[in-house]
Amino acid sequence: MRVICIGECLVELRAVGPDSFARSYAGDVYNTAVYLKRSLPDADVQFLTATGDDAMSRAMREAWHEHEIDDARASTVGGGSPGLYLIETDALGERHFQYWRSNSAARHWLAMLGKHGESTLWGADIVYLSGITLAILSPADRTRAIDLIGRLRSRVGRIAFDPNMRLALWRTPQAAAAIMGPAISACDIALPSTEDLKSLFDINEPTQQLDLLQQMGVHEVALTLGPDGCAIANGALRVQLAGPKVEIVIDTSGAGDAFNGAYLARRLLGRSPTEAAQAALDIASRVVTHAGAVVPASVSHPLGSAS
């Protein structure tokens, strides 16, 4: 099985003391790639992005290799460098970010793909991307990326999309909806949070959110509801699953990405959406008990493989 994850990886600086920071590498789609690979070790998980040719970019790629993420689809931008962000968490584990990414080499992923040819994506079992994948592009490239998704639909097994709405990356919520609406309509599996859909479409109730996405043409939806679990829509099927109880939340970074990776891994194995979501909720509930977007492997799949 081959999965292509399209997005950005940044340098993560996480506060570990008043004036001390730990460096690692993270980004929503990259995180999902790592958790998918952990849940489905036999899959070839490829990360399509662009990096620079500097020492930090080389160190970043080495970290990908340690997680067994294939960088064959990652391009190199001469003179480029990765974006960076600082993450701090409050007493409830909620995240606060500061970003330096305006010159991130990952912004050129679509242009670099054009040089290599989009046929390199053909035949993938799943192509996965997010709203951030689109947001970091120029306005013109965002439109071209939507066209690419439409062309890919008949060339790959399934397209999965997480809106992952980050208002700071968009001029207005309406501007985000104008791009992400068509992206949602073009995907086979939508993986939004209820907060994403509130921001994008000003609809608050999860049942109405599922209705909207299905009206937009999405067959399968796994809608995360924060501590309330998730709701599944798959054709006529509607199921709501409670989230596992978590005594102490340390850091919510990466929990949604872990959910997505585990969910997609189990769908690739032929599990039902309900089974996939239950396993994904379990993994996400473990991730929030540790600091960082990518937690130690023993935390994210302590019970072994996706079986």
C-alpha atoms as a PDB file:
ATOM      1  CA  MET A   1       0.000   0.000   0.000  1.00  0.00           C
ATOM      2  CA  ARG A   2       1.190   3.505  -0.855  1.00  0.00           C
ATOM      3  CA  VAL A   3       0.030   6.661   0.892  1.00  0.00           C
ATOM      4  CA  ILE A   4       1.105  10.140  -0.196  1.00  0.00           C
ATOM      5  CA  CYS A   5       0.774  12.907   2.378  1.00  0.00           C
ATOM      6  CA  ILE A   6       1.061  16.435   0.955  1.00  0.00           C
ATOM      7  CA  GLY A   7       1.942  19.297   3.280  1.00  0.00           C
ATOM      8  CA  GLU A   8       4.493  21.115   5.379  1.00  0.00           C
ATOM      9  CA  CYS A   9       6.967  20.148   8.056  1.00  0.00           C
ATOM     10  CA  LEU A  10       8.300  22.857  10.321  1.00  0.00           C
ATOM     11  CA  VAL A  11      10.906  23.156  13.023  1.00  0.00           C
ATOM     12  CA  GLU A  12       9.090  22.954  16.354  1.00  0.00           C
ATOM     13  CA  LEU A  13      10.458  24.738  19.413  1.00  0.00           C
ATOM     14  CA  ARG A  14       8.601  23.656  22.526  1.00  0.00           C
ATOM     15  CA  ALA A  15       9.056  25.416  25.836  1.00  0.00           C
ATOM     16  CA  VAL A  16      10.442  23.084  28.502  1.00  0.00           C
ATOM     17  CA  GLY A  17      11.374  25.798  30.991  1.00  0.00           C
ATOM     18  CA  PRO A  18      11.260  29.575  31.420  1.00  0.00           C
ATOM     19  CA  ASP A  19      14.073  30.077  28.900  1.00  0.00           C
ATOM     20  CA  SER A  20      14.620  26.551  27.550  1.00  0.00           C
ATOM     21  CA  PHE A  21      13.245  24.962  24.394  1.00  0.00           C
ATOM     22  CA  ALA A  22      13.339  21.503  22.857  1.00  0.00           C
ATOM     23  CA  ARG A  23      13.685  21.233  19.093  1.00  0.00           C
ATOM     24  CA  SER A  24      11.767  18.732  17.022  1.00  0.00           C
ATOM     25  CA  TYR A  25       9.916  18.636  13.709  1.00  0.00           C
ATOM     26  CA  ALA A  26       6.181  18.731  13.151  1.00  0.00           C
ATOM     27  CA  GLY A  27       3.359  19.899  10.936  1.00  0.00           C
ATOM     28  CA  ASP A  28      -0.204  18.674  10.623  1.00  0.00           C
ATOM     29  CA  VAL A  29       0.173  16.460   7.545  1.00  0.00           C
ATOM     30  CA  TYR A  30       3.643  15.301   8.540  1.00  0.00           C
ATOM     31  CA  ASN A  31       2.335  14.301  11.969  1.00  0.00           C
ATOM     32  CA  THR A  32      -0.452  12.320  10.332  1.00  0.00           C
ATOM     33  CA  ALA A  33       2.102  10.572   8.112  1.00  0.00           C
ATOM     34  CA  VAL A  34       4.069   9.480  11.192  1.00  0.00           C
ATOM     35  CA  TYR A  35       1.025   8.160  13.053  1.00  0.00           C
ATOM     36  CA  LEU A  36      -0.259   6.401   9.925  1.00  0.00           C
ATOM     37  CA  LYS A  37       3.088   4.676   9.441  1.00  0.00           C
ATOM     38  CA  ARG A  38       3.128   3.571  13.076  1.00  0.00           C
ATOM     39  CA  SER A  39      -0.364   2.146  12.711  1.00  0.00           C
ATOM     40  CA  LEU A  40       0.400   0.450   9.389  1.00  0.00           C
ATOM     41  CA  PRO A  41       4.132  -0.379   9.287  1.00  0.00           C
ATOM     42  CA  ASP A  42       3.942  -2.229   5.967  1.00  0.00           C
ATOM     43  CA  ALA A  43       2.631   0.844   4.119  1.00  0.00           C
ATOM     44  CA  ASP A  44       4.927   3.013   2.014  1.00  0.00           C
ATOM     45  CA  VAL A  45       4.138   6.433   3.476  1.00  0.00           C
ATOM     46  CA  GLN A  46       5.533   9.181   1.271  1.00  0.00           C
ATOM     47  CA  PHE A  47       5.712  12.851   2.246  1.00  0.00           C
ATOM     48  CA  LEU A  48       5.284  15.265  -0.639  1.00  0.00           C
ATOM     49  CA  THR A  49       6.620  18.689   0.279  1.00  0.00           C
ATOM     50  CA  ALA A  50       9.534  20.995  -0.411  1.00  0.00           C
ATOM     51  CA  THR A  51      12.486  21.727   1.854  1.00  0.00           C
ATOM     52  CA  GLY A  52      15.546  23.895   1.629  1.00  0.00           C
ATOM     53  CA  ASP A  53      19.110  22.751   1.118  1.00  0.00           C
ATOM     54  CA  ASP A  54      20.385  24.090   4.438  1.00  0.00           C
ATOM     55  CA  ALA A  55      21.586  22.184   7.487  1.00  0.00           C
ATOM     56  CA  MET A  56      18.230  22.466   9.246  1.00  0.00           C
ATOM     57  CA  SER A  57      16.429  20.973   6.251  1.00  0.00           C
ATOM     58  CA  ARG A  58      18.900  18.107   6.128  1.00  0.00           C
ATOM     59  CA  ALA A  59      18.398  17.444   9.830  1.00  0.00           C
ATOM     60  CA  MET A  60      14.643  17.514   9.281  1.00  0.00           C
ATOM     61  CA  ARG A  61      14.862  14.871   6.571  1.00  0.00           C
ATOM     62  CA  GLU A  62      17.001  12.699   8.796  1.00  0.00           C
ATOM     63  CA  ALA A  63      14.223  12.864  11.373  1.00  0.00           C
ATOM     64  CA  TRP A  64      11.730  11.724   8.743  1.00  0.00           C
ATOM     65  CA  HIS A  65      13.904   8.723   7.973  1.00  0.00           C
ATOM     66  CA  GLU A  66      13.998   7.810  11.658  1.00  0.00           C
ATOM     67  CA  HIS A  67      10.188   7.632  11.532  1.00  0.00           C
ATOM     68  CA  GLU A  68      10.389   5.624   8.261  1.00  0.00           C
ATOM     69  CA  ILE A  69       8.750   8.353   6.220  1.00  0.00           C
ATOM     70  CA  ASP A  70       9.761   8.189   2.558  1.00  0.00           C
ATOM     71  CA  ASP A  71      11.082  11.519   1.202  1.00  0.00           C
ATOM     72  CA  ALA A  72      11.259  10.442  -2.447  1.00  0.00           C
ATOM     73  CA  ARG A  73       8.443  12.898  -3.255  1.00  0.00           C
ATOM     74  CA  ALA A  74      10.007  15.771  -1.307  1.00  0.00           C
ATOM     75  CA  SER A  75      11.693  18.382  -3.505  1.00  0.00           C
ATOM     76  CA  THR A  76      14.619  20.622  -2.648  1.00  0.00           C
ATOM     77  CA  VAL A  77      14.472  24.394  -3.139  1.00  0.00           C
ATOM     78  CA  GLY A  78      17.929  25.886  -3.567  1.00  0.00           C
ATOM     79  CA  GLY A  79      18.597  28.501  -0.926  1.00  0.00           C
ATOM     80  CA  GLY A  80      15.392  27.605   0.894  1.00  0.00           C
ATOM     81  CA  SER A  81      14.825  26.840   4.545  1.00  0.00           C
ATOM     82  CA  PRO A  82      12.022  25.403   6.689  1.00  0.00           C
ATOM     83  CA  GLY A  83       9.439  27.367   8.614  1.00  0.00           C
ATOM     84  CA  LEU A  84       9.606  27.490  12.406  1.00  0.00           C
ATOM     85  CA  TYR A  85       7.108  27.733  15.202  1.00  0.00           C
ATOM     86  CA  LEU A  86       7.151  28.121  18.956  1.00  0.00           C
ATOM     87  CA  ILE A  87       4.550  26.240  20.973  1.00  0.00           C
ATOM     88  CA  GLU A  88       3.554  26.860  24.568  1.00  0.00           C
ATOM     89  CA  THR A  89       0.746  25.180  26.474  1.00  0.00           C
ATOM     90  CA  ASP A  90      -1.418  26.431  29.308  1.00  0.00           C
ATOM     91  CA  ALA A  91      -2.486  24.574  32.448  1.00  0.00           C
ATOM     92  CA  LEU A  92      -5.266  22.775  30.525  1.00  0.00           C
ATOM     93  CA  GLY A  93      -2.946  21.568  27.773  1.00  0.00           C
ATOM     94  CA  GLU A  94      -4.284  24.047  25.219  1.00  0.00           C
ATOM     95  CA  ARG A  95      -1.789  25.265  22.663  1.00  0.00           C
ATOM     96  CA  HIS A  96      -0.502  28.748  21.884  1.00  0.00           C
ATOM     97  CA  PHE A  97       1.598  29.200  18.755  1.00  0.00           C
ATOM     98  CA  GLN A  98       3.956  31.746  17.248  1.00  0.00           C
ATOM     99  CA  TYR A  99       4.974  31.116  13.627  1.00  0.00           C
ATOM    100  CA  TRP A 100       7.829  32.182  11.373  1.00  0.00           C
ATOM    101  CA  ARG A 101       6.927  30.550   8.066  1.00  0.00           C
ATOM    102  CA  SER A 102       6.524  33.289   5.446  1.00  0.00           C
ATOM    103  CA  ASN A 103       9.641  32.058   3.619  1.00  0.00           C
ATOM    104  CA  SER A 104       9.102  28.336   4.199  1.00  0.00           C
ATOM    105  CA  ALA A 105      10.322  26.238   1.286  1.00  0.00           C
ATOM    106  CA  ALA A 106       7.177  24.109   1.662  1.00  0.00           C
ATOM    107  CA  ARG A 107       5.186  26.936   0.079  1.00  0.00           C
ATOM    108  CA  HIS A 108       6.636  25.799  -3.243  1.00  0.00           C
ATOM    109  CA  TRP A 109       5.373  22.206  -3.089  1.00  0.00           C
ATOM    110  CA  LEU A 110       2.928  22.615  -5.970  1.00  0.00           C
ATOM    111  CA  ALA A 111       5.423  24.323  -8.267  1.00  0.00           C
ATOM    112  CA  MET A 112       7.987  21.621  -7.581  1.00  0.00           C
ATOM    113  CA  LEU A 113       5.405  18.913  -8.232  1.00  0.00           C
ATOM    114  CA  GLY A 114       4.717  20.555 -11.582  1.00  0.00           C
ATOM    115  CA  LYS A 115       8.373  20.121 -12.511  1.00  0.00           C
ATOM    116  CA  HIS A 116       8.332  16.425 -11.665  1.00  0.00           C
ATOM    117  CA  GLY A 117       4.859  15.699 -13.046  1.00  0.00           C
ATOM    118  CA  GLU A 118       1.680  14.865 -11.186  1.00  0.00           C
ATOM    119  CA  SER A 119       1.778  11.343 -12.594  1.00  0.00           C
ATOM    120  CA  THR A 120       4.143  10.555  -9.702  1.00  0.00           C
ATOM    121  CA  LEU A 121       0.996  10.525  -7.539  1.00  0.00           C
ATOM    122  CA  TRP A 122      -0.982   8.141  -9.714  1.00  0.00           C
ATOM    123  CA  GLY A 123      -1.782   4.767  -8.255  1.00  0.00           C
ATOM    124  CA  ALA A 124      -1.520   5.813  -4.606  1.00  0.00           C
ATOM    125  CA  ASP A 125      -4.042   4.096  -2.361  1.00  0.00           C
ATOM    126  CA  ILE A 126      -4.641   7.345  -0.473  1.00  0.00           C
ATOM    127  CA  VAL A 127      -3.580  10.929  -1.090  1.00  0.00           C
ATOM    128  CA  TYR A 128      -3.960  12.995   2.072  1.00  0.00           C
ATOM    129  CA  LEU A 129      -3.744  16.764   2.489  1.00  0.00           C
ATOM    130  CA  SER A 130      -5.107  19.527   4.686  1.00  0.00           C
ATOM    131  CA  GLY A 131      -6.325  23.075   4.670  1.00  0.00           C
ATOM    132  CA  ILE A 132      -2.846  24.154   5.731  1.00  0.00           C
ATOM    133  CA  THR A 133      -1.427  22.409   2.652  1.00  0.00           C
ATOM    134  CA  LEU A 134      -3.566  24.813   0.616  1.00  0.00           C
ATOM    135  CA  ALA A 135      -3.245  27.865   2.864  1.00  0.00           C
ATOM    136  CA  ILE A 136       0.531  28.119   2.535  1.00  0.00           C
ATOM    137  CA  LEU A 137       0.258  28.445  -1.256  1.00  0.00           C
ATOM    138  CA  SER A 138      -0.223  31.672  -3.157  1.00  0.00           C
ATOM    139  CA  PRO A 139      -3.868  32.477  -4.033  1.00  0.00           C
ATOM    140  CA  ALA A 140      -3.322  31.426  -7.652  1.00  0.00           C
ATOM    141  CA  ASP A 141      -1.663  28.167  -6.625  1.00  0.00           C
ATOM    142  CA  ARG A 142      -4.527  27.379  -4.260  1.00  0.00           C
ATOM    143  CA  THR A 143      -6.873  27.311  -7.233  1.00  0.00           C
ATOM    144  CA  ARG A 144      -4.439  25.163  -9.187  1.00  0.00           C
ATOM    145  CA  ALA A 145      -4.220  22.759  -6.240  1.00  0.00           C
ATOM    146  CA  ILE A 146      -8.017  22.338  -6.243  1.00  0.00           C
ATOM    147  CA  ASP A 147      -7.828  21.502  -9.943  1.00  0.00           C
ATOM    148  CA  LEU A 148      -5.108  18.956  -9.161  1.00  0.00           C
ATOM    149  CA  ILE A 149      -7.294  17.269  -6.543  1.00  0.00           C
ATOM    150  CA  GLY A 150     -10.097  16.994  -9.068  1.00  0.00           C
ATOM    151  CA  ARG A 151      -7.809  15.394 -11.648  1.00  0.00           C
ATOM    152  CA  LEU A 152      -6.380  12.963  -9.138  1.00  0.00           C
ATOM    153  CA  ARG A 153      -9.741  11.569  -8.093  1.00  0.00           C
ATOM    154  CA  SER A 154      -9.822   9.079 -10.963  1.00  0.00           C
ATOM    155  CA  ARG A 155      -6.089   8.294 -10.671  1.00  0.00           C
ATOM    156  CA  VAL A 156      -5.794   7.291  -7.007  1.00  0.00           C
ATOM    157  CA  GLY A 157      -7.680   5.056  -4.623  1.00  0.00           C
ATOM    158  CA  ARG A 158      -9.075   7.706  -2.264  1.00  0.00           C
ATOM    159  CA  ILE A 159      -8.455  11.344  -1.429  1.00  0.00           C
ATOM    160  CA  ALA A 160      -8.626  12.298   2.249  1.00  0.00           C
ATOM    161  CA  PHE A 161      -8.829  15.900   3.435  1.00  0.00           C
ATOM    162  CA  ASP A 162      -8.693  17.608   6.826  1.00  0.00           C
ATOM    163  CA  PRO A 163      -9.750  21.290   6.647  1.00  0.00           C
ATOM    164  CA  ASN A 164      -7.685  22.108   9.763  1.00  0.00           C
ATOM    165  CA  MET A 165      -8.854  25.702   9.687  1.00  0.00           C
ATOM    166  CA  ARG A 166      -6.238  28.200  10.867  1.00  0.00           C
ATOM    167  CA  LEU A 167      -7.701  31.662  10.430  1.00  0.00           C
ATOM    168  CA  ALA A 168      -4.288  33.346  10.703  1.00  0.00           C
ATOM    169  CA  LEU A 169      -3.370  31.795   7.341  1.00  0.00           C
ATOM    170  CA  TRP A 170      -6.441  33.173   5.545  1.00  0.00           C
ATOM    171  CA  ARG A 171      -7.619  36.688   4.811  1.00  0.00           C
ATOM    172  CA  THR A 172     -11.148  35.912   6.060  1.00  0.00           C
ATOM    173  CA  PRO A 173     -13.190  32.804   6.919  1.00  0.00           C
ATOM    174  CA  GLN A 174     -15.051  33.364   3.654  1.00  0.00           C
ATOM    175  CA  ALA A 175     -11.791  33.272   1.703  1.00  0.00           C
ATOM    176  CA  ALA A 176     -10.922  29.988   3.386  1.00  0.00           C
ATOM    177  CA  ALA A 177     -14.356  28.524   2.646  1.00  0.00           C
ATOM    178  CA  ALA A 178     -14.063  29.524  -1.015  1.00  0.00           C
ATOM    179  CA  ILE A 179     -11.023  27.242  -1.348  1.00  0.00           C
ATOM    180  CA  MET A 180     -11.772  24.541   1.185  1.00  0.00           C
ATOM    181  CA  GLY A 181     -15.370  24.047   0.075  1.00  0.00           C
ATOM    182  CA  PRO A 182     -14.274  22.716  -3.346  1.00  0.00           C
ATOM    183  CA  ALA A 183     -11.492  20.687  -1.697  1.00  0.00           C
ATOM    184  CA  ILE A 184     -14.021  19.023   0.595  1.00  0.00           C
ATOM    185  CA  SER A 185     -16.343  18.310  -2.319  1.00  0.00           C
ATOM    186  CA  ALA A 186     -13.490  16.674  -4.239  1.00  0.00           C
ATOM    187  CA  CYS A 187     -12.427  14.306  -1.447  1.00  0.00           C
ATOM    188  CA  ASP A 188     -13.596  10.795  -0.621  1.00  0.00           C
ATOM    189  CA  ILE A 189     -12.911  10.992   3.131  1.00  0.00           C
ATOM    190  CA  ALA A 190     -13.332  14.224   5.093  1.00  0.00           C
ATOM    191  CA  LEU A 191     -11.669  14.494   8.505  1.00  0.00           C
ATOM    192  CA  PRO A 192     -12.787  17.831   9.957  1.00  0.00           C
ATOM    193  CA  SER A 193     -13.262  18.950  13.524  1.00  0.00           C
ATOM    194  CA  THR A 194     -16.530  20.509  14.549  1.00  0.00           C
ATOM    195  CA  GLU A 195     -14.579  23.727  15.232  1.00  0.00           C
ATOM    196  CA  ASP A 196     -13.289  23.729  11.634  1.00  0.00           C
ATOM    197  CA  LEU A 197     -16.815  23.630  10.262  1.00  0.00           C
ATOM    198  CA  LYS A 198     -18.089  26.280  12.666  1.00  0.00           C
ATOM    199  CA  SER A 199     -15.379  28.634  11.402  1.00  0.00           C
ATOM    200  CA  LEU A 200     -15.797  27.784   7.733  1.00  0.00           C
ATOM    201  CA  PHE A 201     -19.558  27.514   7.320  1.00  0.00           C
ATOM    202  CA  ASP A 202     -21.005  29.104  10.483  1.00  0.00           C
ATOM    203  CA  ILE A 203     -22.866  25.902  11.380  1.00  0.00           C
ATOM    204  CA  ASN A 204     -22.583  24.827  15.003  1.00  0.00           C
ATOM    205  CA  GLU A 205     -24.509  21.574  15.365  1.00  0.00           C
ATOM    206  CA  PRO A 206     -22.611  18.375  14.454  1.00  0.00           C
ATOM    207  CA  THR A 207     -25.611  16.686  12.825  1.00  0.00           C
ATOM    208  CA  GLN A 208     -26.112  19.695  10.581  1.00  0.00           C
ATOM    209  CA  GLN A 209     -22.400  19.717   9.823  1.00  0.00           C
ATOM    210  CA  LEU A 210     -22.556  16.087   8.694  1.00  0.00           C
ATOM    211  CA  ASP A 211     -25.619  16.904   6.599  1.00  0.00           C
ATOM    212  CA  LEU A 212     -23.768  19.734   4.894  1.00  0.00           C
ATOM    213  CA  LEU A 213     -20.695  17.677   4.048  1.00  0.00           C
ATOM    214  CA  GLN A 214     -22.787  14.877   2.600  1.00  0.00           C
ATOM    215  CA  GLN A 215     -24.749  17.423   0.566  1.00  0.00           C
ATOM    216  CA  MET A 216     -21.382  18.645  -0.731  1.00  0.00           C
ATOM    217  CA  GLY A 217     -20.735  15.158  -2.075  1.00  0.00           C
ATOM    218  CA  VAL A 218     -18.537  13.604   0.606  1.00  0.00           C
ATOM    219  CA  HIS A 219     -19.420   9.954   1.142  1.00  0.00           C
ATOM    220  CA  GLU A 220     -17.386   9.360   4.310  1.00  0.00           C
ATOM    221  CA  VAL A 221     -16.909  11.798   7.188  1.00  0.00           C
ATOM    222  CA  ALA A 222     -15.146  11.364  10.529  1.00  0.00           C
ATOM    223  CA  LEU A 223     -16.036  14.501  12.482  1.00  0.00           C
ATOM    224  CA  THR A 224     -14.007  14.985  15.664  1.00  0.00           C
ATOM    225  CA  LEU A 225     -15.826  16.594  18.589  1.00  0.00           C
ATOM    226  CA  GLY A 226     -12.962  17.299  20.993  1.00  0.00           C
ATOM    227  CA  PRO A 227     -13.439  15.561  24.356  1.00  0.00           C
ATOM    228  CA  ASP A 228     -16.909  14.423  23.222  1.00  0.00           C
ATOM    229  CA  GLY A 229     -15.411  11.908  20.768  1.00  0.00           C
ATOM    230  CA  CYS A 230     -16.424  11.841  17.117  1.00  0.00           C
ATOM    231  CA  ALA A 231     -19.349  11.391  14.763  1.00  0.00           C
ATOM    232  CA  ILE A 232     -19.218   9.149  11.704  1.00  0.00           C
ATOM    233  CA  ALA A 233     -21.223   9.473   8.513  1.00  0.00           C
ATOM    234  CA  ASN A 234     -20.772   6.882   5.783  1.00  0.00           C
ATOM    235  CA  GLY A 235     -23.594   6.824   3.291  1.00  0.00           C
ATOM    236  CA  ALA A 236     -26.749   6.199   5.323  1.00  0.00           C
ATOM    237  CA  LEU A 237     -24.750   5.260   8.435  1.00  0.00           C
ATOM    238  CA  ARG A 238     -24.610   7.762  11.308  1.00  0.00           C
ATOM    239  CA  VAL A 239     -22.799   6.879  14.543  1.00  0.00           C
ATOM    240  CA  GLN A 240     -21.490   8.970  17.429  1.00  0.00           C
ATOM    241  CA  LEU A 241     -18.658   7.568  19.541  1.00  0.00           C
ATOM    242  CA  ALA A 242     -17.716   8.849  22.977  1.00  0.00           C
ATOM    243  CA  GLY A 243     -14.127   9.869  23.570  1.00  0.00           C
ATOM    244  CA  PRO A 244     -12.067   7.910  26.101  1.00  0.00           C
ATOM    245  CA  LYS A 245     -11.795   9.620  29.467  1.00  0.00           C
ATOM    246  CA  VAL A 246      -8.431  11.316  29.945  1.00  0.00           C
ATOM    247  CA  GLU A 247      -7.492  12.152  33.530  1.00  0.00           C
ATOM    248  CA  ILE A 248      -4.708  14.638  32.809  1.00  0.00           C
ATOM    249  CA  VAL A 249      -4.244  16.448  29.489  1.00  0.00           C
ATOM    250  CA  ILE A 250      -0.661  17.579  29.005  1.00  0.00           C
ATOM    251  CA  ASP A 251      -0.656  18.790  25.398  1.00  0.00           C
ATOM    252  CA  THR A 252      -3.338  18.611  22.688  1.00  0.00           C
ATOM    253  CA  SER A 253      -0.770  19.144  19.912  1.00  0.00           C
ATOM    254  CA  GLY A 254      -1.021  16.466  17.272  1.00  0.00           C
ATOM    255  CA  ALA A 255      -4.083  14.724  18.722  1.00  0.00           C
ATOM    256  CA  GLY A 256      -6.196  15.371  15.636  1.00  0.00           C
ATOM    257  CA  ASP A 257      -3.309  14.349  13.385  1.00  0.00           C
ATOM    258  CA  ALA A 258      -2.886  11.120  15.345  1.00  0.00           C
ATOM    259  CA  PHE A 259      -6.608  10.460  14.967  1.00  0.00           C
ATOM    260  CA  ASN A 260      -6.376  10.970  11.205  1.00  0.00           C
ATOM    261  CA  GLY A 261      -3.346   8.724  10.783  1.00  0.00           C
ATOM    262  CA  ALA A 262      -4.826   5.884  12.815  1.00  0.00           C
ATOM    263  CA  TYR A 263      -8.209   6.242  11.125  1.00  0.00           C
ATOM    264  CA  LEU A 264      -6.784   6.103   7.595  1.00  0.00           C
ATOM    265  CA  ALA A 265      -4.512   3.168   8.469  1.00  0.00           C
ATOM    266  CA  ARG A 266      -7.442   1.097   9.626  1.00  0.00           C
ATOM    267  CA  ARG A 267      -9.565   2.043   6.644  1.00  0.00           C
ATOM    268  CA  LEU A 268      -6.726   0.846   4.409  1.00  0.00           C
ATOM    269  CA  LEU A 269      -6.826  -2.448   6.292  1.00  0.00           C
ATOM    270  CA  GLY A 270     -10.517  -2.779   5.483  1.00  0.00           C
ATOM    271  CA  ARG A 271     -11.873  -1.904   8.913  1.00  0.00           C
ATOM    272  CA  SER A 272     -15.270  -0.193   9.060  1.00  0.00           C
ATOM    273  CA  PRO A 273     -15.422   3.577   9.670  1.00  0.00           C
ATOM    274  CA  THR A 274     -16.764   2.907  13.166  1.00  0.00           C
ATOM    275  CA  GLU A 275     -13.949   0.488  14.015  1.00  0.00           C
ATOM    276  CA  ALA A 276     -11.397   2.885  12.555  1.00  0.00           C
ATOM    277  CA  ALA A 277     -12.754   5.817  14.547  1.00  0.00           C
ATOM    278  CA  GLN A 278     -12.796   3.889  17.817  1.00  0.00           C
ATOM    279  CA  ALA A 279      -9.151   2.923  17.427  1.00  0.00           C
ATOM    280  CA  ALA A 280      -8.257   6.471  16.356  1.00  0.00           C
ATOM    281  CA  LEU A 281      -9.947   7.970  19.422  1.00  0.00           C
ATOM    282  CA  ASP A 282      -7.968   5.621  21.630  1.00  0.00           C
ATOM    283  CA  ILE A 283      -4.646   6.674  20.109  1.00  0.00           C
ATOM    284  CA  ALA A 284      -5.534  10.387  20.219  1.00  0.00           C
ATOM    285  CA  SER A 285      -6.440  10.052  23.903  1.00  0.00           C
ATOM    286  CA  ARG A 286      -2.943   8.714  24.586  1.00  0.00           C
ATOM    287  CA  VAL A 287      -1.207  11.415  22.564  1.00  0.00           C
ATOM    288  CA  VAL A 288      -2.667  14.240  24.686  1.00  0.00           C
ATOM    289  CA  THR A 289      -1.056  12.784  27.807  1.00  0.00           C
ATOM    290  CA  HIS A 290       2.432  13.627  26.502  1.00  0.00           C
ATOM    291  CA  ALA A 291       4.104  16.817  25.324  1.00  0.00           C
ATOM    292  CA  GLY A 292       4.797  17.442  21.642  1.00  0.00           C
ATOM    293  CA  ALA A 293       2.987  16.829  18.381  1.00  0.00           C
ATOM    294  CA  VAL A 294       4.830  13.561  17.691  1.00  0.00           C
ATOM    295  CA  VAL A 295       5.006  11.533  20.888  1.00  0.00           C
ATOM    296  CA  PRO A 296       7.156   8.425  21.478  1.00  0.00           C
ATOM    297  CA  ALA A 297       6.033   5.428  19.470  1.00  0.00           C
ATOM    298  CA  SER A 298       5.319   3.426  22.612  1.00  0.00           C
ATOM    299  CA  VAL A 299       2.640   5.968  23.536  1.00  0.00           C
ATOM    300  CA  SER A 300       0.825   6.168  20.216  1.00  0.00           C
ATOM    301  CA  HIS A 301       0.514   2.424  19.638  1.00  0.00           C
ATOM    302  CA  PRO A 302       1.251   0.693  22.951  1.00  0.00           C
ATOM    303  CA  LEU A 303      -0.839  -2.280  21.935  1.00  0.00           C
ATOM    304  CA  GLY A 304       1.162  -2.944  18.811  1.00  0.00           C
ATOM    305  CA  SER A 305       0.070  -2.731  15.158  1.00  0.00           C
ATOM    306  CA  ALA A 306      -3.184  -1.634  13.557  1.00  0.00           C
ATOM    307  CA  SER A 307      -4.533  -5.133  13.807  1.00  0.00           C
END
